[in-house]
Amino acid sequence: MRLGTENLTYIYMPGTPFATAALKGVTIDIEPGSFNALLGPSGSGKSTLIQHLNGLLKPTSGRVLVDGRPLGNDRAELLALRRQVGLVFQMPEQQFFAESVFDEIAFAPRNLGLNEEQVKERVQWSLELVGLEGKNLQKRSPFHLSSGQKRLVAIASVLALQPKVLILDEPTAGLDPGGRRHLFSLLSRLNRREKLTVLIVTHHPEDVAALADQCLVLSGGRLALAGTPEEVFSQGEELQRLGLALPPVTCLMNELNAQGAPVPGAVFSLEQARRAINNWFGRGEEP
């Protein structure tokens, strides 16, 4: 599934003295099977944009495109889109309502009309995908889990619909470093092995720079930058002007490069930096 927008504008409380334009003529394109990062400071319009991509919000003007066709307002069409474009909100407990993890994940498959045996298989499949299959969590309340487990159950409940696109709003909020690493390893695996299109909303570029195929940067409701991580993060001064910082490892490699070291500046992970520095010292590794 290919998702996009064309000159998308959205105004909160239009026609009132409190009218606010959250999006101003935004045009983006998300290719099937790609890993995308939506970046920008708080208040830049990120959350508003993603709520258009699964039909939760209706454009004030402009269009949302699904496989090149404008998204309509027909209820059946919107429901079909939401089955294919899964959205995980920033605080997973805001999505929870069931008394057990099993019922939380089973809700969507049951609404699809699957029988109970199929529902059980879908729940188990979803838990396996997120790495929770052996944790004996199915009977526990989702509200009583750790922050990391809540996040994974929220993702599993969306994956139970078997969507083509997974959108996550600030998925690392409240997670410790170990939880962050596990989450991004999971998302990378879902993207590469399951061919799931992923879009992550964050204001921390270092979280996704090494994984993304495309980075989209919003500022003041407008699309300020778009391109590969190399293209976007090569514009360090512009990113700083927009209220974003380069990943620390990228800053380090840029500084080494500026001092004459034969290392690339477009490095976004510690592993890439290690290979580049080892190659510099003649240890035979490819950067």
C-alpha atoms as a PDB file:
ATOM      1  CA  MET A   1       0.000   0.000   0.000  1.00  0.00           C
ATOM      2  CA  ARG A   2       1.287   3.434  -0.982  1.00  0.00           C
ATOM      3  CA  LEU A   3       0.257   6.333   1.247  1.00  0.00           C
ATOM      4  CA  GLY A   4       0.630  10.037   0.677  1.00  0.00           C
ATOM      5  CA  THR A   5      -0.827  13.497   0.940  1.00  0.00           C
ATOM      6  CA  GLU A   6      -1.239  16.278  -1.576  1.00  0.00           C
ATOM      7  CA  ASN A   7      -1.316  19.909  -0.419  1.00  0.00           C
ATOM      8  CA  LEU A   8      -2.828  18.760   2.873  1.00  0.00           C
ATOM      9  CA  THR A   9      -4.074  21.537   5.139  1.00  0.00           C
ATOM     10  CA  TYR A  10      -5.856  21.088   8.442  1.00  0.00           C
ATOM     11  CA  ILE A  11      -7.310  23.827  10.639  1.00  0.00           C
ATOM     12  CA  TYR A  12      -8.451  23.214  14.189  1.00  0.00           C
ATOM     13  CA  MET A  13     -11.639  25.099  15.187  1.00  0.00           C
ATOM     14  CA  PRO A  14     -12.136  26.722  11.770  1.00  0.00           C
ATOM     15  CA  GLY A  15     -14.361  29.763  11.580  1.00  0.00           C
ATOM     16  CA  THR A  16     -13.696  30.737  15.202  1.00  0.00           C
ATOM     17  CA  PRO A  17     -11.308  33.236  16.796  1.00  0.00           C
ATOM     18  CA  PHE A  18      -9.303  30.213  17.947  1.00  0.00           C
ATOM     19  CA  ALA A  19      -8.709  28.772  14.459  1.00  0.00           C
ATOM     20  CA  THR A  20      -5.226  27.260  14.172  1.00  0.00           C
ATOM     21  CA  ALA A  21      -3.614  25.836  11.043  1.00  0.00           C
ATOM     22  CA  ALA A  22      -1.825  22.676  12.179  1.00  0.00           C
ATOM     23  CA  LEU A  23      -0.875  21.601   8.646  1.00  0.00           C
ATOM     24  CA  LYS A  24      -0.189  23.930   5.731  1.00  0.00           C
ATOM     25  CA  GLY A  25      -0.011  22.398   2.261  1.00  0.00           C
ATOM     26  CA  VAL A  26       1.885  19.216   3.188  1.00  0.00           C
ATOM     27  CA  THR A  27       2.735  16.789   0.360  1.00  0.00           C
ATOM     28  CA  ILE A  28       4.430  13.477   1.227  1.00  0.00           C
ATOM     29  CA  ASP A  29       4.857  10.049  -0.335  1.00  0.00           C
ATOM     30  CA  ILE A  30       5.368   6.806   1.624  1.00  0.00           C
ATOM     31  CA  GLU A  31       6.430   3.865  -0.507  1.00  0.00           C
ATOM     32  CA  PRO A  32       5.265   0.293   0.220  1.00  0.00           C
ATOM     33  CA  GLY A  33       7.680  -1.623   2.431  1.00  0.00           C
ATOM     34  CA  SER A  34       9.682   1.452   3.421  1.00  0.00           C
ATOM     35  CA  PHE A  35      10.836   2.610   6.855  1.00  0.00           C
ATOM     36  CA  ASN A  36      10.017   6.276   7.430  1.00  0.00           C
ATOM     37  CA  ALA A  37      10.780   8.803  10.155  1.00  0.00           C
ATOM     38  CA  LEU A  38       8.541  11.809  10.743  1.00  0.00           C
ATOM     39  CA  LEU A  39      10.598  14.366  12.638  1.00  0.00           C
ATOM     40  CA  GLY A  40       9.948  17.776  14.078  1.00  0.00           C
ATOM     41  CA  PRO A  41       9.754  19.714  17.337  1.00  0.00           C
ATOM     42  CA  SER A  42       6.663  19.637  19.532  1.00  0.00           C
ATOM     43  CA  GLY A  43       3.756  21.441  17.891  1.00  0.00           C
ATOM     44  CA  SER A  44       5.058  20.976  14.342  1.00  0.00           C
ATOM     45  CA  GLY A  45       1.993  18.985  13.194  1.00  0.00           C
ATOM     46  CA  LYS A  46       3.325  15.431  13.348  1.00  0.00           C
ATOM     47  CA  SER A  47       0.441  13.868  15.283  1.00  0.00           C
ATOM     48  CA  THR A  48      -2.120  15.743  13.204  1.00  0.00           C
ATOM     49  CA  LEU A  49      -0.564  14.428  10.002  1.00  0.00           C
ATOM     50  CA  ILE A  50      -0.570  10.769  11.009  1.00  0.00           C
ATOM     51  CA  GLN A  51      -4.227  10.953  12.075  1.00  0.00           C
ATOM     52  CA  HIS A  52      -5.039  11.843   8.472  1.00  0.00           C
ATOM     53  CA  LEU A  53      -3.175   8.804   7.167  1.00  0.00           C
ATOM     54  CA  ASN A  54      -5.717   6.368   8.630  1.00  0.00           C
ATOM     55  CA  GLY A  55      -8.753   8.589   8.281  1.00  0.00           C
ATOM     56  CA  LEU A  56      -9.182   9.759  11.873  1.00  0.00           C
ATOM     57  CA  LEU A  57      -9.093  13.370  10.690  1.00  0.00           C
ATOM     58  CA  LYS A  58     -10.574  14.846   7.517  1.00  0.00           C
ATOM     59  CA  PRO A  59      -8.514  17.445   5.597  1.00  0.00           C
ATOM     60  CA  THR A  60      -9.662  21.043   5.629  1.00  0.00           C
ATOM     61  CA  SER A  61      -8.246  21.145   2.111  1.00  0.00           C
ATOM     62  CA  GLY A  62      -5.960  18.965   0.046  1.00  0.00           C
ATOM     63  CA  ARG A  63      -6.089  15.169  -0.190  1.00  0.00           C
ATOM     64  CA  VAL A  64      -4.937  11.952   1.396  1.00  0.00           C
ATOM     65  CA  LEU A  65      -3.866   9.453  -1.268  1.00  0.00           C
ATOM     66  CA  VAL A  66      -4.149   5.667  -0.927  1.00  0.00           C
ATOM     67  CA  ASP A  67      -2.431   3.785  -3.743  1.00  0.00           C
ATOM     68  CA  GLY A  68      -2.630   6.983  -5.777  1.00  0.00           C
ATOM     69  CA  ARG A  69      -6.375   7.475  -5.290  1.00  0.00           C
ATOM     70  CA  PRO A  70      -7.948  10.192  -3.127  1.00  0.00           C
ATOM     71  CA  LEU A  71      -9.405   8.930   0.146  1.00  0.00           C
ATOM     72  CA  GLY A  72     -13.146   9.505   0.306  1.00  0.00           C
ATOM     73  CA  ASN A  73     -15.498   9.960   3.237  1.00  0.00           C
ATOM     74  CA  ASP A  74     -17.460   6.731   2.870  1.00  0.00           C
ATOM     75  CA  ARG A  75     -17.582   4.928   6.226  1.00  0.00           C
ATOM     76  CA  ALA A  76     -16.818   1.530   4.701  1.00  0.00           C
ATOM     77  CA  GLU A  77     -13.802   2.965   2.897  1.00  0.00           C
ATOM     78  CA  LEU A  78     -12.489   4.549   6.088  1.00  0.00           C
ATOM     79  CA  LEU A  79     -12.959   1.326   8.079  1.00  0.00           C
ATOM     80  CA  ALA A  80     -11.114  -0.628   5.386  1.00  0.00           C
ATOM     81  CA  LEU A  81      -8.249   1.879   5.552  1.00  0.00           C
ATOM     82  CA  ARG A  82      -7.990   1.584   9.346  1.00  0.00           C
ATOM     83  CA  ARG A  83      -7.646  -2.181   9.032  1.00  0.00           C
ATOM     84  CA  GLN A  84      -4.676  -1.677   6.728  1.00  0.00           C
ATOM     85  CA  VAL A  85      -3.067   1.330   8.445  1.00  0.00           C
ATOM     86  CA  GLY A  86      -2.489   0.572  12.122  1.00  0.00           C
ATOM     87  CA  LEU A  87      -1.854   3.473  14.493  1.00  0.00           C
ATOM     88  CA  VAL A  88      -0.166   3.104  17.902  1.00  0.00           C
ATOM     89  CA  PHE A  89      -0.575   6.205  20.044  1.00  0.00           C
ATOM     90  CA  GLN A  90       2.124   7.665  22.280  1.00  0.00           C
ATOM     91  CA  MET A  91       0.643   6.408  25.546  1.00  0.00           C
ATOM     92  CA  PRO A  92      -0.425   2.774  24.950  1.00  0.00           C
ATOM     93  CA  GLU A  93      -2.689   2.642  27.982  1.00  0.00           C
ATOM     94  CA  GLN A  94      -4.905   5.174  26.202  1.00  0.00           C
ATOM     95  CA  GLN A  95      -5.770   2.378  23.755  1.00  0.00           C
ATOM     96  CA  PHE A  96      -6.440  -0.293  26.385  1.00  0.00           C
ATOM     97  CA  PHE A  97      -9.929  -1.177  27.556  1.00  0.00           C
ATOM     98  CA  ALA A  98     -10.011  -4.975  28.005  1.00  0.00           C
ATOM     99  CA  GLU A  99      -9.448  -6.809  31.291  1.00  0.00           C
ATOM    100  CA  SER A 100      -6.767  -9.141  29.910  1.00  0.00           C
ATOM    101  CA  VAL A 101      -3.966  -9.014  27.371  1.00  0.00           C
ATOM    102  CA  PHE A 102      -5.677 -11.794  25.411  1.00  0.00           C
ATOM    103  CA  ASP A 103      -8.959  -9.899  25.106  1.00  0.00           C
ATOM    104  CA  GLU A 104      -7.116  -6.691  24.245  1.00  0.00           C
ATOM    105  CA  ILE A 105      -5.359  -8.299  21.287  1.00  0.00           C
ATOM    106  CA  ALA A 106      -8.386 -10.436  20.371  1.00  0.00           C
ATOM    107  CA  PHE A 107     -10.711  -7.449  20.008  1.00  0.00           C
ATOM    108  CA  ALA A 108      -9.775  -6.616  16.416  1.00  0.00           C
ATOM    109  CA  PRO A 109      -9.796 -10.220  15.097  1.00  0.00           C
ATOM    110  CA  ARG A 110     -13.194 -10.793  16.702  1.00  0.00           C
ATOM    111  CA  ASN A 111     -14.518  -7.671  14.972  1.00  0.00           C
ATOM    112  CA  LEU A 112     -13.278  -9.134  11.696  1.00  0.00           C
ATOM    113  CA  GLY A 113     -15.615 -12.093  12.280  1.00  0.00           C
ATOM    114  CA  LEU A 114     -12.958 -14.730  12.961  1.00  0.00           C
ATOM    115  CA  ASN A 115     -14.020 -17.751  15.001  1.00  0.00           C
ATOM    116  CA  GLU A 116     -12.496 -18.328  18.441  1.00  0.00           C
ATOM    117  CA  GLU A 117      -9.895 -20.794  17.195  1.00  0.00           C
ATOM    118  CA  GLN A 118      -8.783 -18.324  14.545  1.00  0.00           C
ATOM    119  CA  VAL A 119      -8.772 -15.563  17.152  1.00  0.00           C
ATOM    120  CA  LYS A 120      -6.495 -17.608  19.425  1.00  0.00           C
ATOM    121  CA  GLU A 121      -4.133 -18.245  16.509  1.00  0.00           C
ATOM    122  CA  ARG A 122      -4.093 -14.550  15.609  1.00  0.00           C
ATOM    123  CA  VAL A 123      -3.381 -13.521  19.230  1.00  0.00           C
ATOM    124  CA  GLN A 124      -0.548 -16.044  19.517  1.00  0.00           C
ATOM    125  CA  TRP A 125       0.868 -14.947  16.166  1.00  0.00           C
ATOM    126  CA  SER A 126       0.824 -11.284  17.227  1.00  0.00           C
ATOM    127  CA  LEU A 127       2.488 -12.020  20.567  1.00  0.00           C
ATOM    128  CA  GLU A 128       5.191 -14.040  18.801  1.00  0.00           C
ATOM    129  CA  LEU A 129       5.851 -11.158  16.418  1.00  0.00           C
ATOM    130  CA  VAL A 130       6.556  -8.766  19.308  1.00  0.00           C
ATOM    131  CA  GLY A 131       8.496 -11.310  21.368  1.00  0.00           C
ATOM    132  CA  LEU A 132       5.961 -11.854  24.178  1.00  0.00           C
ATOM    133  CA  GLU A 133       4.833 -15.387  23.366  1.00  0.00           C
ATOM    134  CA  GLY A 134       6.576 -17.033  26.333  1.00  0.00           C
ATOM    135  CA  LYS A 135       5.817 -14.429  28.992  1.00  0.00           C
ATOM    136  CA  ASN A 136       2.527 -15.889  30.331  1.00  0.00           C
ATOM    137  CA  LEU A 137       0.870 -12.511  29.920  1.00  0.00           C
ATOM    138  CA  GLN A 138      -2.372 -13.443  28.198  1.00  0.00           C
ATOM    139  CA  LYS A 139      -4.467 -13.543  31.388  1.00  0.00           C
ATOM    140  CA  ARG A 140      -2.868 -10.483  32.982  1.00  0.00           C
ATOM    141  CA  SER A 141      -4.352  -7.006  32.884  1.00  0.00           C
ATOM    142  CA  PRO A 142      -2.623  -4.844  30.262  1.00  0.00           C
ATOM    143  CA  PHE A 143      -2.788  -1.942  32.722  1.00  0.00           C
ATOM    144  CA  HIS A 144      -0.481  -3.758  35.153  1.00  0.00           C
ATOM    145  CA  LEU A 145       2.403  -4.398  32.761  1.00  0.00           C
ATOM    146  CA  SER A 146       5.719  -2.580  32.547  1.00  0.00           C
ATOM    147  CA  SER A 147       6.023   0.382  30.175  1.00  0.00           C
ATOM    148  CA  GLY A 148       7.889  -1.723  27.639  1.00  0.00           C
ATOM    149  CA  GLN A 149       5.370  -4.568  27.816  1.00  0.00           C
ATOM    150  CA  LYS A 150       2.471  -2.118  27.437  1.00  0.00           C
ATOM    151  CA  ARG A 151       4.077  -0.736  24.298  1.00  0.00           C
ATOM    152  CA  LEU A 152       4.551  -4.226  22.849  1.00  0.00           C
ATOM    153  CA  VAL A 153       0.979  -5.280  23.672  1.00  0.00           C
ATOM    154  CA  ALA A 154      -0.311  -2.109  22.007  1.00  0.00           C
ATOM    155  CA  ILE A 155       1.714  -2.978  18.901  1.00  0.00           C
ATOM    156  CA  ALA A 156       0.507  -6.600  19.021  1.00  0.00           C
ATOM    157  CA  SER A 157      -3.123  -5.449  19.201  1.00  0.00           C
ATOM    158  CA  VAL A 158      -2.597  -3.454  16.009  1.00  0.00           C
ATOM    159  CA  LEU A 159      -0.642  -6.241  14.289  1.00  0.00           C
ATOM    160  CA  ALA A 160      -3.557  -8.607  14.987  1.00  0.00           C
ATOM    161  CA  LEU A 161      -5.362  -6.831  12.142  1.00  0.00           C
ATOM    162  CA  GLN A 162      -2.454  -7.785   9.868  1.00  0.00           C
ATOM    163  CA  PRO A 163      -2.093  -4.223   8.550  1.00  0.00           C
ATOM    164  CA  LYS A 164       0.093  -3.198   5.638  1.00  0.00           C
ATOM    165  CA  VAL A 165       1.278  -0.011   7.368  1.00  0.00           C
ATOM    166  CA  LEU A 166       2.264   0.522  11.013  1.00  0.00           C
ATOM    167  CA  ILE A 167       2.388   4.091  12.353  1.00  0.00           C
ATOM    168  CA  LEU A 168       3.782   4.793  15.824  1.00  0.00           C
ATOM    169  CA  ASP A 169       3.578   8.128  17.630  1.00  0.00           C
ATOM    170  CA  GLU A 170       6.661   8.675  19.840  1.00  0.00           C
ATOM    171  CA  PRO A 171       6.994   4.931  20.550  1.00  0.00           C
ATOM    172  CA  THR A 172      10.031   5.248  22.852  1.00  0.00           C
ATOM    173  CA  ALA A 173       8.409   7.666  25.323  1.00  0.00           C
ATOM    174  CA  GLY A 174       8.928   6.334  28.835  1.00  0.00           C
ATOM    175  CA  LEU A 175      11.180   3.429  27.814  1.00  0.00           C
ATOM    176  CA  ASP A 176      14.632   2.766  29.254  1.00  0.00           C
ATOM    177  CA  PRO A 177      17.614   2.231  26.884  1.00  0.00           C
ATOM    178  CA  GLY A 178      17.086  -1.532  26.826  1.00  0.00           C
ATOM    179  CA  GLY A 179      13.431  -1.097  25.978  1.00  0.00           C
ATOM    180  CA  ARG A 180      14.288   1.350  23.213  1.00  0.00           C
ATOM    181  CA  ARG A 181      16.806  -1.048  21.659  1.00  0.00           C
ATOM    182  CA  HIS A 182      14.332  -3.929  21.793  1.00  0.00           C
ATOM    183  CA  LEU A 183      11.569  -1.845  20.240  1.00  0.00           C
ATOM    184  CA  PHE A 184      13.677  -0.651  17.323  1.00  0.00           C
ATOM    185  CA  SER A 185      15.032  -4.141  16.730  1.00  0.00           C
ATOM    186  CA  LEU A 186      11.418  -5.341  16.562  1.00  0.00           C
ATOM    187  CA  LEU A 187      10.359  -2.583  14.151  1.00  0.00           C
ATOM    188  CA  SER A 188      13.351  -3.211  11.915  1.00  0.00           C
ATOM    189  CA  ARG A 189      12.503  -6.921  11.812  1.00  0.00           C
ATOM    190  CA  LEU A 190       8.839  -6.247  10.997  1.00  0.00           C
ATOM    191  CA  ASN A 191       9.896  -3.919   8.213  1.00  0.00           C
ATOM    192  CA  ARG A 192      12.623  -6.065   6.660  1.00  0.00           C
ATOM    193  CA  ARG A 193      11.216  -9.570   7.176  1.00  0.00           C
ATOM    194  CA  GLU A 194       7.463  -9.020   7.194  1.00  0.00           C
ATOM    195  CA  LYS A 195       7.636  -6.247   4.530  1.00  0.00           C
ATOM    196  CA  LEU A 196       5.555  -4.010   6.777  1.00  0.00           C
ATOM    197  CA  THR A 197       5.646  -0.302   5.949  1.00  0.00           C
ATOM    198  CA  VAL A 198       6.686   1.601   9.087  1.00  0.00           C
ATOM    199  CA  LEU A 199       6.279   5.283   9.939  1.00  0.00           C
ATOM    200  CA  ILE A 200       7.691   6.492  13.263  1.00  0.00           C
ATOM    201  CA  VAL A 201       6.926   9.916  14.719  1.00  0.00           C
ATOM    202  CA  THR A 202       9.702  11.289  16.898  1.00  0.00           C
ATOM    203  CA  HIS A 203      11.563  14.445  17.798  1.00  0.00           C
ATOM    204  CA  HIS A 204      14.716  12.393  18.518  1.00  0.00           C
ATOM    205  CA  PRO A 205      16.492  11.862  15.150  1.00  0.00           C
ATOM    206  CA  GLU A 206      19.090   9.560  16.707  1.00  0.00           C
ATOM    207  CA  ASP A 207      16.353   6.973  17.308  1.00  0.00           C
ATOM    208  CA  VAL A 208      15.690   6.285  13.644  1.00  0.00           C
ATOM    209  CA  ALA A 209      18.507   7.732  11.540  1.00  0.00           C
ATOM    210  CA  ALA A 210      20.213   4.363  11.072  1.00  0.00           C
ATOM    211  CA  LEU A 211      16.985   2.564  10.132  1.00  0.00           C
ATOM    212  CA  ALA A 212      15.030   4.980   7.959  1.00  0.00           C
ATOM    213  CA  ASP A 213      14.768   4.924   4.190  1.00  0.00           C
ATOM    214  CA  GLN A 214      13.146   8.354   4.273  1.00  0.00           C
ATOM    215  CA  CYS A 215      13.114  11.219   6.770  1.00  0.00           C
ATOM    216  CA  LEU A 216      10.347  13.827   6.730  1.00  0.00           C
ATOM    217  CA  VAL A 217      10.819  16.973   8.803  1.00  0.00           C
ATOM    218  CA  LEU A 218       7.858  19.157   9.762  1.00  0.00           C
ATOM    219  CA  SER A 219       8.147  22.676  11.097  1.00  0.00           C
ATOM    220  CA  GLY A 220       5.249  24.998  11.819  1.00  0.00           C
ATOM    221  CA  GLY A 221       2.854  22.704   9.975  1.00  0.00           C
ATOM    222  CA  ARG A 222       4.925  22.690   6.775  1.00  0.00           C
ATOM    223  CA  LEU A 223       7.202  20.062   5.244  1.00  0.00           C
ATOM    224  CA  ALA A 224      10.634  21.617   5.743  1.00  0.00           C
ATOM    225  CA  LEU A 225      12.914  18.769   4.636  1.00  0.00           C
ATOM    226  CA  ALA A 226      12.492  15.359   3.005  1.00  0.00           C
ATOM    227  CA  GLY A 227      14.922  12.760   1.740  1.00  0.00           C
ATOM    228  CA  THR A 228      17.214   9.958   2.798  1.00  0.00           C
ATOM    229  CA  PRO A 229      18.930  10.231   6.186  1.00  0.00           C
ATOM    230  CA  GLU A 230      22.132  11.205   4.380  1.00  0.00           C
ATOM    231  CA  GLU A 231      20.351  14.021   2.536  1.00  0.00           C
ATOM    232  CA  VAL A 232      18.491  15.321   5.584  1.00  0.00           C
ATOM    233  CA  PHE A 233      21.240  15.020   8.201  1.00  0.00           C
ATOM    234  CA  SER A 234      23.808  16.622   5.921  1.00  0.00           C
ATOM    235  CA  GLN A 235      21.895  19.852   6.625  1.00  0.00           C
ATOM    236  CA  GLY A 236      22.936  20.192  10.239  1.00  0.00           C
ATOM    237  CA  GLU A 237      22.565  23.968  10.448  1.00  0.00           C
ATOM    238  CA  GLU A 238      19.065  23.847   8.978  1.00  0.00           C
ATOM    239  CA  LEU A 239      18.039  21.092  11.399  1.00  0.00           C
ATOM    240  CA  GLN A 240      19.283  23.156  14.320  1.00  0.00           C
ATOM    241  CA  ARG A 241      17.332  26.145  13.031  1.00  0.00           C
ATOM    242  CA  LEU A 242      14.231  23.930  12.973  1.00  0.00           C
ATOM    243  CA  GLY A 243      14.787  22.889  16.580  1.00  0.00           C
ATOM    244  CA  LEU A 244      16.330  19.460  15.928  1.00  0.00           C
ATOM    245  CA  ALA A 245      19.820  18.177  16.665  1.00  0.00           C
ATOM    246  CA  LEU A 246      22.004  15.766  14.729  1.00  0.00           C
ATOM    247  CA  PRO A 247      22.512  12.358  16.364  1.00  0.00           C
ATOM    248  CA  PRO A 248      25.538  12.590  18.716  1.00  0.00           C
ATOM    249  CA  VAL A 249      27.494   9.943  16.787  1.00  0.00           C
ATOM    250  CA  THR A 250      26.940  11.936  13.572  1.00  0.00           C
ATOM    251  CA  CYS A 251      28.258  15.088  15.274  1.00  0.00           C
ATOM    252  CA  LEU A 252      31.349  13.140  16.385  1.00  0.00           C
ATOM    253  CA  MET A 253      32.061  11.770  12.903  1.00  0.00           C
ATOM    254  CA  ASN A 254      31.506  15.169  11.330  1.00  0.00           C
ATOM    255  CA  GLU A 255      34.007  16.677  13.767  1.00  0.00           C
ATOM    256  CA  LEU A 256      36.570  13.967  13.001  1.00  0.00           C
ATOM    257  CA  ASN A 257      36.046  14.550   9.296  1.00  0.00           C
ATOM    258  CA  ALA A 258      36.458  18.307   9.737  1.00  0.00           C
ATOM    259  CA  GLN A 259      39.769  17.669  11.538  1.00  0.00           C
ATOM    260  CA  GLY A 260      41.063  15.726   8.532  1.00  0.00           C
ATOM    261  CA  ALA A 261      40.251  12.165   9.570  1.00  0.00           C
ATOM    262  CA  PRO A 262      39.364   9.951   6.561  1.00  0.00           C
ATOM    263  CA  VAL A 263      35.948   8.976   7.937  1.00  0.00           C
ATOM    264  CA  PRO A 264      32.482   9.633   6.482  1.00  0.00           C
ATOM    265  CA  GLY A 265      30.258  12.211   8.130  1.00  0.00           C
ATOM    266  CA  ALA A 266      26.976  10.456   7.252  1.00  0.00           C
ATOM    267  CA  VAL A 267      27.160   7.941  10.110  1.00  0.00           C
ATOM    268  CA  PHE A 268      24.083   7.346  12.264  1.00  0.00           C
ATOM    269  CA  SER A 269      24.860   4.414  14.556  1.00  0.00           C
ATOM    270  CA  LEU A 270      27.658   3.337  16.879  1.00  0.00           C
ATOM    271  CA  GLU A 271      28.167   0.205  14.778  1.00  0.00           C
ATOM    272  CA  GLN A 272      28.672   2.283  11.614  1.00  0.00           C
ATOM    273  CA  ALA A 273      31.079   4.540  13.512  1.00  0.00           C
ATOM    274  CA  ARG A 274      33.024   1.534  14.837  1.00  0.00           C
ATOM    275  CA  ARG A 275      33.459   0.108  11.343  1.00  0.00           C
ATOM    276  CA  ALA A 276      34.509   3.477   9.929  1.00  0.00           C
ATOM    277  CA  ILE A 277      37.076   4.121  12.680  1.00  0.00           C
ATOM    278  CA  ASN A 278      38.460   0.577  12.449  1.00  0.00           C
ATOM    279  CA  ASN A 279      38.845   1.039   8.711  1.00  0.00           C
ATOM    280  CA  TRP A 280      40.646   4.337   9.359  1.00  0.00           C
ATOM    281  CA  PHE A 281      43.133   2.532  11.595  1.00  0.00           C
ATOM    282  CA  GLY A 282      43.672  -0.165   8.975  1.00  0.00           C
ATOM    283  CA  ARG A 283      41.887  -3.047  10.669  1.00  0.00           C
ATOM    284  CA  GLY A 284      40.372  -4.134   7.397  1.00  0.00           C
ATOM    285  CA  GLU A 285      36.654  -3.487   8.000  1.00  0.00           C
ATOM    286  CA  GLU A 286      34.488  -1.865   5.376  1.00  0.00           C
ATOM    287  CA  PRO A 287      32.930   1.434   6.542  1.00  0.00           C
END
